[in-house]
C-alpha cells in the first residue's frame, strides 16, 4: 500500500513537471514565431533559429526568461562562418554548438543562404 502511495506521488510530480515544461516550450516557440525565425533546431539544451536579421539562441531551462536565457548575433555583422567539429564559429567569437552533424549541416546551409541574401540586400 505504501508503494502505491509513493508511486502515485512520484507520478503526480512527473506529470506536473511535464505540464510546466510544455508551457516553457510554448513560450519559446511563440518567441521564435514572433521574430520570424526559420530553421529552428533544438540541440545541446538550446533552441537555435535564423531570424529576419539575427541568429537567436534560447537556452531551455526550468524557468525560461526570454531576455536572460537568450543570445543573438546580427546577420549584418557576419564576416566568416567556420565549422570546428560540431560547432559553428562566427567571426571567431560567437559559437553555436550541435550534437548531430546533420543538424549542424542543415543549419550551416541555411545560415550561408541567409548571409548571402543579406549581403546582396546591403549592396543594393
PDB file of N, CA and C in Angstrom:
ATOM      1  N   UNK A   1       0.819  -1.191   0.000  1.00  0.00           N
ATOM      2  CA  UNK A   1       0.000   0.000   0.000  1.00  0.00           C
ATOM      3  C   UNK A   1       0.871   1.266   0.000  1.00  0.00           C
ATOM      4  N   UNK A   2       1.955   1.211   0.808  1.00  0.00           N
ATOM      5  CA  UNK A   2       2.869   2.352   0.872  1.00  0.00           C
ATOM      6  C   UNK A   2       3.518   2.580  -0.495  1.00  0.00           C
ATOM      7  N   UNK A   3       3.851   1.484  -1.189  1.00  0.00           N
ATOM      8  CA  UNK A   3       4.458   1.614  -2.509  1.00  0.00           C
ATOM      9  C   UNK A   3       3.500   2.252  -3.494  1.00  0.00           C
ATOM     10  N   UNK A   4       2.225   1.938  -3.425  1.00  0.00           N
ATOM     11  CA  UNK A   4       1.233   2.538  -4.320  1.00  0.00           C
ATOM     12  C   UNK A   4       1.110   4.039  -4.070  1.00  0.00           C
ATOM     13  N   UNK A   5       1.099   4.452  -2.816  1.00  0.00           N
ATOM     14  CA  UNK A   5       1.023   5.877  -2.486  1.00  0.00           C
ATOM     15  C   UNK A   5       2.287   6.586  -2.963  1.00  0.00           C
ATOM     16  N   UNK A   6       3.438   6.002  -2.700  1.00  0.00           N
ATOM     17  CA  UNK A   6       4.704   6.587  -3.140  1.00  0.00           C
ATOM     18  C   UNK A   6       4.761   6.680  -4.660  1.00  0.00           C
ATOM     19  N   UNK A   7       4.348   5.625  -5.341  1.00  0.00           N
ATOM     20  CA  UNK A   7       4.326   5.639  -6.802  1.00  0.00           C
ATOM     21  C   UNK A   7       3.356   6.705  -7.320  1.00  0.00           C
ATOM     22  N   UNK A   8       2.217   6.856  -6.675  1.00  0.00           N
ATOM     23  CA  UNK A   8       1.235   7.869  -7.064  1.00  0.00           C
ATOM     24  C   UNK A   8       1.782   9.277  -6.922  1.00  0.00           C
ATOM     25  N   UNK A   9       2.500   9.541  -5.824  1.00  0.00           N
ATOM     26  CA  UNK A   9       3.092  10.869  -5.597  1.00  0.00           C
ATOM     27  C   UNK A   9       4.152  11.166  -6.659  1.00  0.00           C
ATOM     28  N   UNK A  10       4.984  10.180  -6.946  1.00  0.00           N
ATOM     29  CA  UNK A  10       6.023  10.361  -7.969  1.00  0.00           C
ATOM     30  C   UNK A  10       5.381  10.612  -9.335  1.00  0.00           C
ATOM     31  N   UNK A  11       4.320   9.875  -9.653  1.00  0.00           N
ATOM     32  CA  UNK A  11       3.634  10.057 -10.931  1.00  0.00           C
ATOM     33  C   UNK A  11       3.042  11.461 -11.027  1.00  0.00           C
ATOM     34  N   UNK A  12       2.458  11.971  -9.957  1.00  0.00           N
ATOM     35  CA  UNK A  12       1.907  13.330  -9.963  1.00  0.00           C
ATOM     36  C   UNK A  12       2.992  14.380 -10.169  1.00  0.00           C
ATOM     37  N   UNK A  13       4.134  14.179  -9.536  1.00  0.00           N
ATOM     38  CA  UNK A  13       5.248  15.117  -9.700  1.00  0.00           C
ATOM     39  C   UNK A  13       5.733  15.113 -11.145  1.00  0.00           C
ATOM     40  N   UNK A  14       5.886  13.952 -11.728  1.00  0.00           N
ATOM     41  CA  UNK A  14       6.343  13.847 -13.126  1.00  0.00           C
ATOM     42  C   UNK A  14       5.343  14.514 -14.062  1.00  0.00           C
ATOM     43  N   UNK A  15       4.064  14.280 -13.853  1.00  0.00           N
ATOM     44  CA  UNK A  15       3.026  14.888 -14.698  1.00  0.00           C
ATOM     45  C   UNK A  15       3.055  16.411 -14.556  1.00  0.00           C
ATOM     46  N   UNK A  16       3.173  16.910 -13.328  1.00  0.00           N
ATOM     47  CA  UNK A  16       3.216  18.360 -13.108  1.00  0.00           C
ATOM     48  C   UNK A  16       4.437  18.990 -13.782  1.00  0.00           C
ATOM     49  N   UNK A  17       5.593  18.360 -13.673  1.00  0.00           N
ATOM     50  CA  UNK A  17       6.803  18.883 -14.321  1.00  0.00           C
ATOM     51  C   UNK A  17       6.679  18.859 -15.838  1.00  0.00           C
ATOM     52  N   UNK A  18       6.062  17.828 -16.372  1.00  0.00           N
ATOM     53  CA  UNK A  18       5.866  17.737 -17.811  1.00  0.00           C
ATOM     54  C   UNK A  18       4.948  18.845 -18.313  1.00  0.00           C
ATOM     55  N   UNK A  19       3.885  19.135 -17.590  1.00  0.00           N
ATOM     56  CA  UNK A  19       2.974  20.213 -17.970  1.00  0.00           C
ATOM     57  C   UNK A  19       3.693  21.554 -17.891  1.00  0.00           C
ATOM     58  N   UNK A  20       4.481  21.771 -16.849  1.00  0.00           N
ATOM     59  CA  UNK A  20       5.219  23.018 -16.689  1.00  0.00           C
ATOM     60  C   UNK A  20       6.242  23.190 -17.809  1.00  0.00           C
ATOM     61  N   UNK A  21       6.956  22.118 -18.155  1.00  0.00           N
ATOM     62  CA  UNK A  21       7.940  22.168 -19.234  1.00  0.00           C
ATOM     63  C   UNK A  21       7.264  22.462 -20.561  1.00  0.00           C
ATOM     64  N   UNK A  22       6.084  21.947 -20.777  1.00  0.00           N
ATOM     65  CA  UNK A  22       5.351  22.190 -22.011  1.00  0.00           C
ATOM     66  C   UNK A  22       5.026  23.672 -22.175  1.00  0.00           C
ATOM     67  N   UNK A  23       4.698  24.348 -21.074  1.00  0.00           N
ATOM     68  CA  UNK A  23       4.400  25.775 -21.174  1.00  0.00           C
ATOM     69  C   UNK A  23       5.667  26.566 -21.516  1.00  0.00           C
ATOM     70  N   UNK A  24       6.831  26.115 -21.036  1.00  0.00           N
ATOM     71  CA  UNK A  24       8.092  26.754 -21.410  1.00  0.00           C
ATOM     72  C   UNK A  24       8.335  26.637 -22.909  1.00  0.00           C
ATOM     73  N   UNK A  25       8.101  25.457 -23.454  1.00  0.00           N
ATOM     74  CA  UNK A  25       8.318  25.247 -24.880  1.00  0.00           C
ATOM     75  C   UNK A  25       7.395  26.131 -25.709  1.00  0.00           C
ATOM     76  N   UNK A  26       6.164  26.310 -25.256  1.00  0.00           N
ATOM     77  CA  UNK A  26       5.238  27.181 -25.976  1.00  0.00           C
ATOM     78  C   UNK A  26       5.737  28.622 -25.977  1.00  0.00           C
ATOM     79  N   UNK A  27       6.268  29.099 -24.841  1.00  0.00           N
ATOM     80  CA  UNK A  27       6.815  30.451 -24.775  1.00  0.00           C
ATOM     81  C   UNK A  27       7.965  30.618 -25.768  1.00  0.00           C
ATOM     82  N   UNK A  28       8.843  29.626 -25.814  1.00  0.00           N
ATOM     83  CA  UNK A  28       9.995  29.703 -26.713  1.00  0.00           C
ATOM     84  C   UNK A  28       9.540  29.678 -28.171  1.00  0.00           C
ATOM     85  N   UNK A  29       8.621  28.775 -28.506  1.00  0.00           N
ATOM     86  CA  UNK A  29       8.127  28.693 -29.880  1.00  0.00           C
ATOM     87  C   UNK A  29       7.432  29.984 -30.300  1.00  0.00           C
ATOM     88  N   UNK A  30       6.623  30.561 -29.419  1.00  0.00           N
ATOM     89  CA  UNK A  30       5.940  31.820 -29.731  1.00  0.00           C
ATOM     90  C   UNK A  30       6.943  32.948 -29.943  1.00  0.00           C
ATOM     91  N   UNK A  31       8.009  32.956 -29.153  1.00  0.00           N
ATOM     92  CA  UNK A  31       9.045  33.986 -29.299  1.00  0.00           C
ATOM     93  C   UNK A  31       9.744  33.852 -30.659  1.00  0.00           C
ATOM     94  N   UNK A  32      10.060  32.619 -31.057  1.00  0.00           N
ATOM     95  CA  UNK A  32      10.681  32.416 -32.367  1.00  0.00           C
ATOM     96  C   UNK A  32       9.734  32.838 -33.492  1.00  0.00           C
ATOM     97  N   UNK A  33       8.459  32.481 -33.391  1.00  0.00           N
ATOM     98  CA  UNK A  33       7.485  32.857 -34.421  1.00  0.00           C
ATOM     99  C   UNK A  33       7.325  34.371 -34.490  1.00  0.00           C
ATOM    100  N   UNK A  34       7.298  35.042 -33.346  1.00  0.00           N
ATOM    101  CA  UNK A  34       7.150  36.495 -33.308  1.00  0.00           C
ATOM    102  C   UNK A  34       8.331  37.193 -33.974  1.00  0.00           C
ATOM    103  N   UNK A  35       9.499  36.579 -33.926  1.00  0.00           N
ATOM    104  CA  UNK A  35      10.693  37.160 -34.552  1.00  0.00           C
ATOM    105  C   UNK A  35      10.896  36.686 -35.985  1.00  0.00           C
ATOM    106  N   UNK A  36       9.959  35.913 -36.521  1.00  0.00           N
ATOM    107  CA  UNK A  36      10.052  35.443 -37.905  1.00  0.00           C
ATOM    108  C   UNK A  36      11.209  34.494 -38.145  1.00  0.00           C
ATOM    109  N   UNK A  37      11.473  33.626 -37.193  1.00  0.00           N
ATOM    110  CA  UNK A  37      12.622  32.726 -37.294  1.00  0.00           C
ATOM    111  C   UNK A  37      12.304  31.486 -38.123  1.00  0.00           C
ATOM    112  N   UNK A  38      13.305  31.039 -38.858  1.00  0.00           N
ATOM    113  CA  UNK A  38      13.244  29.817 -39.650  1.00  0.00           C
ATOM    114  C   UNK A  38      14.378  28.906 -39.210  1.00  0.00           C
ATOM    115  N   UNK A  39      14.365  27.691 -39.705  1.00  0.00           N
ATOM    116  CA  UNK A  39      15.405  26.707 -39.414  1.00  0.00           C
ATOM    117  C   UNK A  39      15.663  26.635 -37.909  1.00  0.00           C
ATOM    118  N   UNK A  40      14.600  26.383 -37.148  1.00  0.00           N
ATOM    119  CA  UNK A  40      14.717  26.263 -35.697  1.00  0.00           C
ATOM    120  C   UNK A  40      15.160  24.844 -35.360  1.00  0.00           C
ATOM    121  N   UNK A  41      16.239  24.745 -34.595  1.00  0.00           N
ATOM    122  CA  UNK A  41      16.834  23.459 -34.246  1.00  0.00           C
ATOM    123  C   UNK A  41      17.007  23.411 -32.735  1.00  0.00           C
ATOM    124  N   UNK A  42      16.724  22.247 -32.141  1.00  0.00           N
ATOM    125  CA  UNK A  42      16.997  22.055 -30.719  1.00  0.00           C
ATOM    126  C   UNK A  42      18.185  21.109 -30.597  1.00  0.00           C
ATOM    127  N   UNK A  43      19.222  21.571 -29.941  1.00  0.00           N
ATOM    128  CA  UNK A  43      20.404  20.759 -29.753  1.00  0.00           C
ATOM    129  C   UNK A  43      21.184  21.275 -28.557  1.00  0.00           C
ATOM    130  N   UNK A  44      21.725  20.365 -27.781  1.00  0.00           N
ATOM    131  CA  UNK A  44      22.553  20.698 -26.617  1.00  0.00           C
ATOM    132  C   UNK A  44      21.836  21.621 -25.633  1.00  0.00           C
ATOM    133  N   UNK A  45      20.534  21.405 -25.430  1.00  0.00           N
ATOM    134  CA  UNK A  45      19.779  22.176 -24.452  1.00  0.00           C
ATOM    135  C   UNK A  45      19.426  23.583 -24.882  1.00  0.00           C
ATOM    136  N   UNK A  46      19.603  23.880 -26.164  1.00  0.00           N
ATOM    137  CA  UNK A  46      19.362  25.226 -26.660  1.00  0.00           C
ATOM    138  C   UNK A  46      18.592  25.181 -27.972  1.00  0.00           C
ATOM    139  N   UNK A  47      17.622  26.078 -28.090  1.00  0.00           N
ATOM    140  CA  UNK A  47      16.922  26.261 -29.363  1.00  0.00           C
ATOM    141  C   UNK A  47      17.683  27.305 -30.156  1.00  0.00           C
ATOM    142  N   UNK A  48      17.916  26.998 -31.428  1.00  0.00           N
ATOM    143  CA  UNK A  48      18.655  27.894 -32.298  1.00  0.00           C
ATOM    144  C   UNK A  48      17.796  28.191 -33.515  1.00  0.00           C
ATOM    145  N   UNK A  49      17.760  29.448 -33.945  1.00  0.00           N
ATOM    146  CA  UNK A  49      16.962  29.805 -35.101  1.00  0.00           C
ATOM    147  C   UNK A  49      17.606  30.927 -35.889  1.00  0.00           C
ATOM    148  N   UNK A  50      17.336  30.929 -37.176  1.00  0.00           N
ATOM    149  CA  UNK A  50      17.796  32.004 -38.049  1.00  0.00           C
ATOM    150  C   UNK A  50      16.591  32.901 -38.282  1.00  0.00           C
ATOM    151  N   UNK A  51      16.675  34.121 -37.776  1.00  0.00           N
ATOM    152  CA  UNK A  51      15.551  35.051 -37.815  1.00  0.00           C
ATOM    153  C   UNK A  51      15.745  36.070 -38.936  1.00  0.00           C
ATOM    154  N   UNK A  52      14.889  37.072 -38.965  1.00  0.00           N
ATOM    155  CA  UNK A  52      14.920  38.088 -40.022  1.00  0.00           C
ATOM    156  C   UNK A  52      16.290  38.736 -40.161  1.00  0.00           C
ATOM    157  N   UNK A  53      16.843  39.199 -39.048  1.00  0.00           N
ATOM    158  CA  UNK A  53      18.116  39.907 -39.113  1.00  0.00           C
ATOM    159  C   UNK A  53      19.138  39.443 -38.079  1.00  0.00           C
ATOM    160  N   UNK A  54      18.875  38.272 -37.460  1.00  0.00           N
ATOM    161  CA  UNK A  54      19.797  37.791 -36.442  1.00  0.00           C
ATOM    162  C   UNK A  54      19.713  36.279 -36.290  1.00  0.00           C
ATOM    163  N   UNK A  55      20.733  35.737 -35.649  1.00  0.00           N
ATOM    164  CA  UNK A  55      20.722  34.340 -35.203  1.00  0.00           C
ATOM    165  C   UNK A  55      20.333  34.405 -33.731  1.00  0.00           C
ATOM    166  N   UNK A  56      19.378  33.592 -33.346  1.00  0.00           N
ATOM    167  CA  UNK A  56      18.862  33.649 -31.986  1.00  0.00           C
ATOM    168  C   UNK A  56      19.021  32.289 -31.323  1.00  0.00           C
ATOM    169  N   UNK A  57      19.565  32.281 -30.109  1.00  0.00           N
ATOM    170  CA  UNK A  57      19.692  31.066 -29.304  1.00  0.00           C
ATOM    171  C   UNK A  57      18.987  31.305 -27.971  1.00  0.00           C
ATOM    172  N   UNK A  58      18.114  30.356 -27.595  1.00  0.00           N
ATOM    173  CA  UNK A  58      17.425  30.435 -26.309  1.00  0.00           C
ATOM    174  C   UNK A  58      17.658  29.125 -25.576  1.00  0.00           C
ATOM    175  N   UNK A  59      18.238  29.215 -24.392  1.00  0.00           N
ATOM    176  CA  UNK A  59      18.500  28.030 -23.589  1.00  0.00           C
ATOM    177  C   UNK A  59      17.211  27.560 -22.932  1.00  0.00           C
ATOM    178  N   UNK A  60      17.002  26.246 -22.950  1.00  0.00           N
ATOM    179  CA  UNK A  60      15.853  25.659 -22.291  1.00  0.00           C
ATOM    180  C   UNK A  60      16.242  25.361 -20.855  1.00  0.00           C
ATOM    181  N   UNK A  61      15.476  25.887 -19.922  1.00  0.00           N
ATOM    182  CA  UNK A  61      15.735  25.639 -18.511  1.00  0.00           C
ATOM    183  C   UNK A  61      14.405  25.493 -17.795  1.00  0.00           C
ATOM    184  N   UNK A  62      14.463  25.230 -16.498  1.00  0.00           N
ATOM    185  CA  UNK A  62      13.232  25.009 -15.748  1.00  0.00           C
ATOM    186  C   UNK A  62      12.351  26.250 -15.775  1.00  0.00           C
ATOM    187  N   UNK A  63      12.946  27.419 -15.624  1.00  0.00           N
ATOM    188  CA  UNK A  63      12.208  28.666 -15.781  1.00  0.00           C
ATOM    189  C   UNK A  63      12.840  29.423 -16.941  1.00  0.00           C
ATOM    190  N   UNK A  64      12.022  29.806 -17.885  1.00  0.00           N
ATOM    191  CA  UNK A  64      12.531  30.470 -19.080  1.00  0.00           C
ATOM    192  C   UNK A  64      12.316  31.969 -18.962  1.00  0.00           C
ATOM    193  N   UNK A  65      13.421  32.702 -18.976  1.00  0.00           N
ATOM    194  CA  UNK A  65      13.380  34.157 -19.056  1.00  0.00           C
ATOM    195  C   UNK A  65      13.935  34.500 -20.434  1.00  0.00           C
ATOM    196  N   UNK A  66      13.070  34.955 -21.326  1.00  0.00           N
ATOM    197  CA  UNK A  66      13.458  35.146 -22.714  1.00  0.00           C
ATOM    198  C   UNK A  66      14.509  36.240 -22.901  1.00  0.00           C
ATOM    199  N   UNK A  67      14.739  37.056 -21.903  1.00  0.00           N
ATOM    200  CA  UNK A  67      15.785  38.073 -22.004  1.00  0.00           C
ATOM    201  C   UNK A  67      17.124  37.559 -21.469  1.00  0.00           C
ATOM    202  N   UNK A  68      17.088  36.815 -20.368  1.00  0.00           N
ATOM    203  CA  UNK A  68      18.329  36.333 -19.757  1.00  0.00           C
ATOM    204  C   UNK A  68      18.841  35.057 -20.411  1.00  0.00           C
ATOM    205  N   UNK A  69      17.941  34.207 -20.924  1.00  0.00           N
ATOM    206  CA  UNK A  69      18.329  32.906 -21.474  1.00  0.00           C
ATOM    207  C   UNK A  69      18.595  32.960 -22.974  1.00  0.00           C
ATOM    208  N   UNK A  70      18.765  34.122 -23.536  1.00  0.00           N
ATOM    209  CA  UNK A  70      18.950  34.220 -24.980  1.00  0.00           C
ATOM    210  C   UNK A  70      20.276  34.889 -25.326  1.00  0.00           C
ATOM    211  N   UNK A  71      20.754  34.526 -26.490  1.00  0.00           N
ATOM    212  CA  UNK A  71      21.895  35.233 -27.066  1.00  0.00           C
ATOM    213  C   UNK A  71      21.607  35.382 -28.551  1.00  0.00           C
ATOM    214  N   UNK A  72      22.127  36.435 -29.123  1.00  0.00           N
ATOM    215  CA  UNK A  72      21.857  36.671 -30.545  1.00  0.00           C
ATOM    216  C   UNK A  72      23.088  37.263 -31.215  1.00  0.00           C
ATOM    217  N   UNK A  73      23.075  37.154 -32.524  1.00  0.00           N
ATOM    218  CA  UNK A  73      24.156  37.706 -33.332  1.00  0.00           C
ATOM    219  C   UNK A  73      23.530  38.259 -34.604  1.00  0.00           C
ATOM    220  N   UNK A  74      23.803  39.496 -34.920  1.00  0.00           N
ATOM    221  CA  UNK A  74      23.219  40.156 -36.091  1.00  0.00           C
ATOM    222  C   UNK A  74      23.810  39.585 -37.386  1.00  0.00           C
ATOM    223  N   UNK A  75      22.936  39.292 -38.336  1.00  0.00           N
ATOM    224  CA  UNK A  75      23.385  38.757 -39.627  1.00  0.00           C
ATOM    225  C   UNK A  75      24.268  39.755 -40.367  1.00  0.00           C
ATOM    226  N   UNK A  76      24.001  41.035 -40.188  1.00  0.00           N
ATOM    227  CA  UNK A  76      24.797  42.052 -40.882  1.00  0.00           C
ATOM    228  C   UNK A  76      26.245  42.097 -40.413  1.00  0.00           C
ATOM    229  N   UNK A  77      26.536  41.518 -39.248  1.00  0.00           N
ATOM    230  CA  UNK A  77      27.893  41.540 -38.707  1.00  0.00           C
ATOM    231  C   UNK A  77      28.696  40.282 -39.032  1.00  0.00           C
ATOM    232  N   UNK A  78      28.101  39.361 -39.770  1.00  0.00           N
ATOM    233  CA  UNK A  78      28.802  38.115 -40.088  1.00  0.00           C
ATOM    234  C   UNK A  78      29.810  38.359 -41.202  1.00  0.00           C
ATOM    235  N   UNK A  79      31.059  38.067 -40.912  1.00  0.00           N
ATOM    236  CA  UNK A  79      32.118  38.153 -41.916  1.00  0.00           C
ATOM    237  C   UNK A  79      32.537  36.768 -42.374  1.00  0.00           C
ATOM    238  N   UNK A  80      32.621  35.834 -41.428  1.00  0.00           N
ATOM    239  CA  UNK A  80      33.011  34.472 -41.779  1.00  0.00           C
ATOM    240  C   UNK A  80      32.331  33.471 -40.859  1.00  0.00           C
ATOM    241  N   UNK A  81      32.075  32.287 -41.419  1.00  0.00           N
ATOM    242  CA  UNK A  81      31.479  31.190 -40.667  1.00  0.00           C
ATOM    243  C   UNK A  81      32.377  29.982 -40.838  1.00  0.00           C
ATOM    244  N   UNK A  82      32.832  29.415 -39.729  1.00  0.00           N
ATOM    245  CA  UNK A  82      33.688  28.235 -39.764  1.00  0.00           C
ATOM    246  C   UNK A  82      33.040  27.103 -38.994  1.00  0.00           C
ATOM    247  N   UNK A  83      33.365  25.878 -39.402  1.00  0.00           N
ATOM    248  CA  UNK A  83      32.925  24.695 -38.674  1.00  0.00           C
ATOM    249  C   UNK A  83      34.134  24.083 -37.990  1.00  0.00           C
ATOM    250  N   UNK A  84      33.968  23.756 -36.710  1.00  0.00           N
ATOM    251  CA  UNK A  84      35.011  23.080 -35.956  1.00  0.00           C
ATOM    252  C   UNK A  84      34.346  21.928 -35.217  1.00  0.00           C
ATOM    253  N   UNK A  85      34.420  20.746 -35.779  1.00  0.00           N
ATOM    254  CA  UNK A  85      33.729  19.606 -35.196  1.00  0.00           C
ATOM    255  C   UNK A  85      32.234  19.802 -35.282  1.00  0.00           C
ATOM    256  N   UNK A  86      31.556  19.833 -34.159  1.00  0.00           N
ATOM    257  CA  UNK A  86      30.114  20.040 -34.117  1.00  0.00           C
ATOM    258  C   UNK A  86      29.767  21.457 -33.650  1.00  0.00           C
ATOM    259  N   UNK A  87      30.657  22.397 -33.920  1.00  0.00           N
ATOM    260  CA  UNK A  87      30.446  23.784 -33.519  1.00  0.00           C
ATOM    261  C   UNK A  87      30.588  24.704 -34.726  1.00  0.00           C
ATOM    262  N   UNK A  88      29.635  25.630 -34.865  1.00  0.00           N
ATOM    263  CA  UNK A  88      29.762  26.709 -35.843  1.00  0.00           C
ATOM    264  C   UNK A  88      30.385  27.891 -35.118  1.00  0.00           C
ATOM    265  N   UNK A  89      31.395  28.487 -35.732  1.00  0.00           N
ATOM    266  CA  UNK A  89      32.059  29.642 -35.129  1.00  0.00           C
ATOM    267  C   UNK A  89      31.903  30.809 -36.093  1.00  0.00           C
ATOM    268  N   UNK A  90      31.279  31.870 -35.604  1.00  0.00           N
ATOM    269  CA  UNK A  90      31.022  33.051 -36.422  1.00  0.00           C
ATOM    270  C   UNK A  90      31.963  34.159 -35.976  1.00  0.00           C
ATOM    271  N   UNK A  91      32.732  34.676 -36.914  1.00  0.00           N
ATOM    272  CA  UNK A  91      33.692  35.764 -36.658  1.00  0.00           C
ATOM    273  C   UNK A  91      34.645  35.448 -35.506  1.00  0.00           C
ATOM    274  N   UNK A  92      35.014  34.227 -35.338  1.00  0.00           N
ATOM    275  CA  UNK A  92      35.949  33.782 -34.298  1.00  0.00           C
ATOM    276  C   UNK A  92      35.485  34.070 -32.874  1.00  0.00           C
ATOM    277  N   UNK A  93      34.206  34.435 -32.671  1.00  0.00           N
ATOM    278  CA  UNK A  93      33.786  34.763 -31.309  1.00  0.00           C
ATOM    279  C   UNK A  93      32.445  34.149 -30.906  1.00  0.00           C
ATOM    280  N   UNK A  94      31.508  34.053 -31.810  1.00  0.00           N
ATOM    281  CA  UNK A  94      30.167  33.559 -31.469  1.00  0.00           C
ATOM    282  C   UNK A  94      30.074  32.087 -31.836  1.00  0.00           C
ATOM    283  N   UNK A  95      29.739  31.239 -30.854  1.00  0.00           N
ATOM    284  CA  UNK A  95      29.729  29.794 -31.080  1.00  0.00           C
ATOM    285  C   UNK A  95      28.309  29.249 -30.967  1.00  0.00           C
ATOM    286  N   UNK A  96      28.007  28.310 -31.866  1.00  0.00           N
ATOM    287  CA  UNK A  96      26.737  27.595 -31.848  1.00  0.00           C
ATOM    288  C   UNK A  96      27.075  26.109 -31.834  1.00  0.00           C
ATOM    289  N   UNK A  97      26.715  25.418 -30.751  1.00  0.00           N
ATOM    290  CA  UNK A  97      27.097  24.026 -30.540  1.00  0.00           C
ATOM    291  C   UNK A  97      25.941  23.103 -30.918  1.00  0.00           C
ATOM    292  N   UNK A  98      26.269  22.006 -31.608  1.00  0.00           N
ATOM    293  CA  UNK A  98      25.296  20.997 -32.019  1.00  0.00           C
ATOM    294  C   UNK A  98      25.734  19.634 -31.498  1.00  0.00           C
ATOM    295  N   UNK A  99      24.769  18.703 -31.422  1.00  0.00           N
ATOM    296  CA  UNK A  99      25.086  17.329 -31.041  1.00  0.00           C
ATOM    297  C   UNK A  99      25.147  16.409 -32.252  1.00  0.00           C
ATOM    298  N   UNK A 100      24.439  16.777 -33.320  1.00  0.00           N
ATOM    299  CA  UNK A 100      24.366  15.926 -34.506  1.00  0.00           C
ATOM    300  C   UNK A 100      24.882  16.671 -35.724  1.00  0.00           C
ATOM    301  N   UNK A 101      25.673  15.974 -36.515  1.00  0.00           N
ATOM    302  CA  UNK A 101      26.262  16.573 -37.703  1.00  0.00           C
ATOM    303  C   UNK A 101      25.196  16.990 -38.721  1.00  0.00           C
ATOM    304  N   UNK A 102      24.106  16.215 -38.826  1.00  0.00           N
ATOM    305  CA  UNK A 102      23.043  16.530 -39.788  1.00  0.00           C
ATOM    306  C   UNK A 102      22.395  17.870 -39.458  1.00  0.00           C
ATOM    307  N   UNK A 103      22.143  18.124 -38.172  1.00  0.00           N
ATOM    308  CA  UNK A 103      21.541  19.396 -37.764  1.00  0.00           C
ATOM    309  C   UNK A 103      22.506  20.553 -38.004  1.00  0.00           C
ATOM    310  N   UNK A 104      23.790  20.313 -37.740  1.00  0.00           N
ATOM    311  CA  UNK A 104      24.797  21.338 -37.991  1.00  0.00           C
ATOM    312  C   UNK A 104      24.842  21.685 -39.470  1.00  0.00           C
ATOM    313  N   UNK A 105      24.855  20.677 -40.322  1.00  0.00           N
ATOM    314  CA  UNK A 105      24.946  20.916 -41.767  1.00  0.00           C
ATOM    315  C   UNK A 105      23.722  21.664 -42.292  1.00  0.00           C
ATOM    316  N   UNK A 106      22.529  21.274 -41.831  1.00  0.00           N
ATOM    317  CA  UNK A 106      21.303  21.946 -42.281  1.00  0.00           C
ATOM    318  C   UNK A 106      21.291  23.406 -41.821  1.00  0.00           C
ATOM    319  N   UNK A 107      21.691  23.636 -40.590  1.00  0.00           N
ATOM    320  CA  UNK A 107      21.730  24.996 -40.051  1.00  0.00           C
ATOM    321  C   UNK A 107      22.785  25.822 -40.782  1.00  0.00           C
ATOM    322  N   UNK A 108      23.945  25.228 -41.025  1.00  0.00           N
ATOM    323  CA  UNK A 108      25.032  25.916 -41.730  1.00  0.00           C
ATOM    324  C   UNK A 108      24.595  26.328 -43.137  1.00  0.00           C
ATOM    325  N   UNK A 109      23.947  25.417 -43.846  1.00  0.00           N
ATOM    326  CA  UNK A 109      23.488  25.724 -45.205  1.00  0.00           C
ATOM    327  C   UNK A 109      22.468  26.861 -45.193  1.00  0.00           C
ATOM    328  N   UNK A 110      21.515  26.806 -44.276  1.00  0.00           N
ATOM    329  CA  UNK A 110      20.517  27.871 -44.177  1.00  0.00           C
ATOM    330  C   UNK A 110      21.156  29.202 -43.799  1.00  0.00           C
ATOM    331  N   UNK A 111      22.145  29.156 -42.906  1.00  0.00           N
ATOM    332  CA  UNK A 111      22.823  30.376 -42.495  1.00  0.00           C
ATOM    333  C   UNK A 111      23.632  30.978 -43.640  1.00  0.00           C
ATOM    334  N   UNK A 112      24.307  30.142 -44.399  1.00  0.00           N
ATOM    335  CA  UNK A 112      25.054  30.631 -45.569  1.00  0.00           C
ATOM    336  C   UNK A 112      24.114  31.287 -46.576  1.00  0.00           C
ATOM    337  N   UNK A 113      22.975  30.639 -46.842  1.00  0.00           N
ATOM    338  CA  UNK A 113      21.995  31.210 -47.772  1.00  0.00           C
ATOM    339  C   UNK A 113      21.481  32.552 -47.271  1.00  0.00           C
ATOM    340  N   UNK A 114      21.138  32.620 -46.000  1.00  0.00           N
ATOM    341  CA  UNK A 114      20.614  33.856 -45.416  1.00  0.00           C
ATOM    342  C   UNK A 114      21.675  34.949 -45.436  1.00  0.00           C
ATOM    343  N   UNK A 115      22.919  34.578 -45.127  1.00  0.00           N
ATOM    344  CA  UNK A 115      24.024  35.548 -45.134  1.00  0.00           C
ATOM    345  C   UNK A 115      24.226  36.113 -46.539  1.00  0.00           C
ATOM    346  N   UNK A 116      24.191  35.249 -47.552  1.00  0.00           N
ATOM    347  CA  UNK A 116      24.374  35.696 -48.918  1.00  0.00           C
ATOM    348  C   UNK A 116      23.242  36.611 -49.361  1.00  0.00           C
ATOM    349  N   UNK A 117      22.007  36.280 -48.990  1.00  0.00           N
ATOM    350  CA  UNK A 117      20.869  37.150 -49.308  1.00  0.00           C
ATOM    351  C   UNK A 117      21.002  38.487 -48.599  1.00  0.00           C
ATOM    352  N   UNK A 118      21.448  38.456 -47.347  1.00  0.00           N
ATOM    353  CA  UNK A 118      21.611  39.678 -46.560  1.00  0.00           C
ATOM    354  C   UNK A 118      22.677  40.570 -47.196  1.00  0.00           C
ATOM    355  N   UNK A 119      23.770  39.968 -47.642  1.00  0.00           N
ATOM    356  CA  UNK A 119      24.850  40.754 -48.271  1.00  0.00           C
ATOM    357  C   UNK A 119      24.372  41.387 -49.577  1.00  0.00           C
ATOM    358  N   UNK A 120      23.584  40.639 -50.371  1.00  0.00           N
ATOM    359  CA  UNK A 120      23.057  41.186 -51.625  1.00  0.00           C
ATOM    360  C   UNK A 120      22.131  42.367 -51.350  1.00  0.00           C
ATOM    361  N   UNK A 121      21.306  42.269 -50.318  1.00  0.00           N
ATOM    362  CA  UNK A 121      20.407  43.365 -49.968  1.00  0.00           C
ATOM    363  C   UNK A 121      21.174  44.583 -49.489  1.00  0.00           C
ATOM    364  N   UNK A 122      22.265  44.379 -48.773  1.00  0.00           N
ATOM    365  CA  UNK A 122      23.035  45.509 -48.259  1.00  0.00           C
ATOM    366  C   UNK A 122      23.792  46.224 -49.384  1.00  0.00           C
ATOM    367  N   UNK A 123      24.097  45.500 -50.465  1.00  0.00           N
ATOM    368  CA  UNK A 123      24.779  46.121 -51.605  1.00  0.00           C
ATOM    369  C   UNK A 123      23.829  47.046 -52.354  1.00  0.00           C
ATOM    370  N   UNK A 124      22.576  46.608 -52.457  1.00  0.00           N
ATOM    371  CA  UNK A 124      21.577  47.425 -53.167  1.00  0.00           C
ATOM    372  C   UNK A 124      21.294  48.645 -52.365  1.00  0.00           C
TER     373      UNK A 124
END
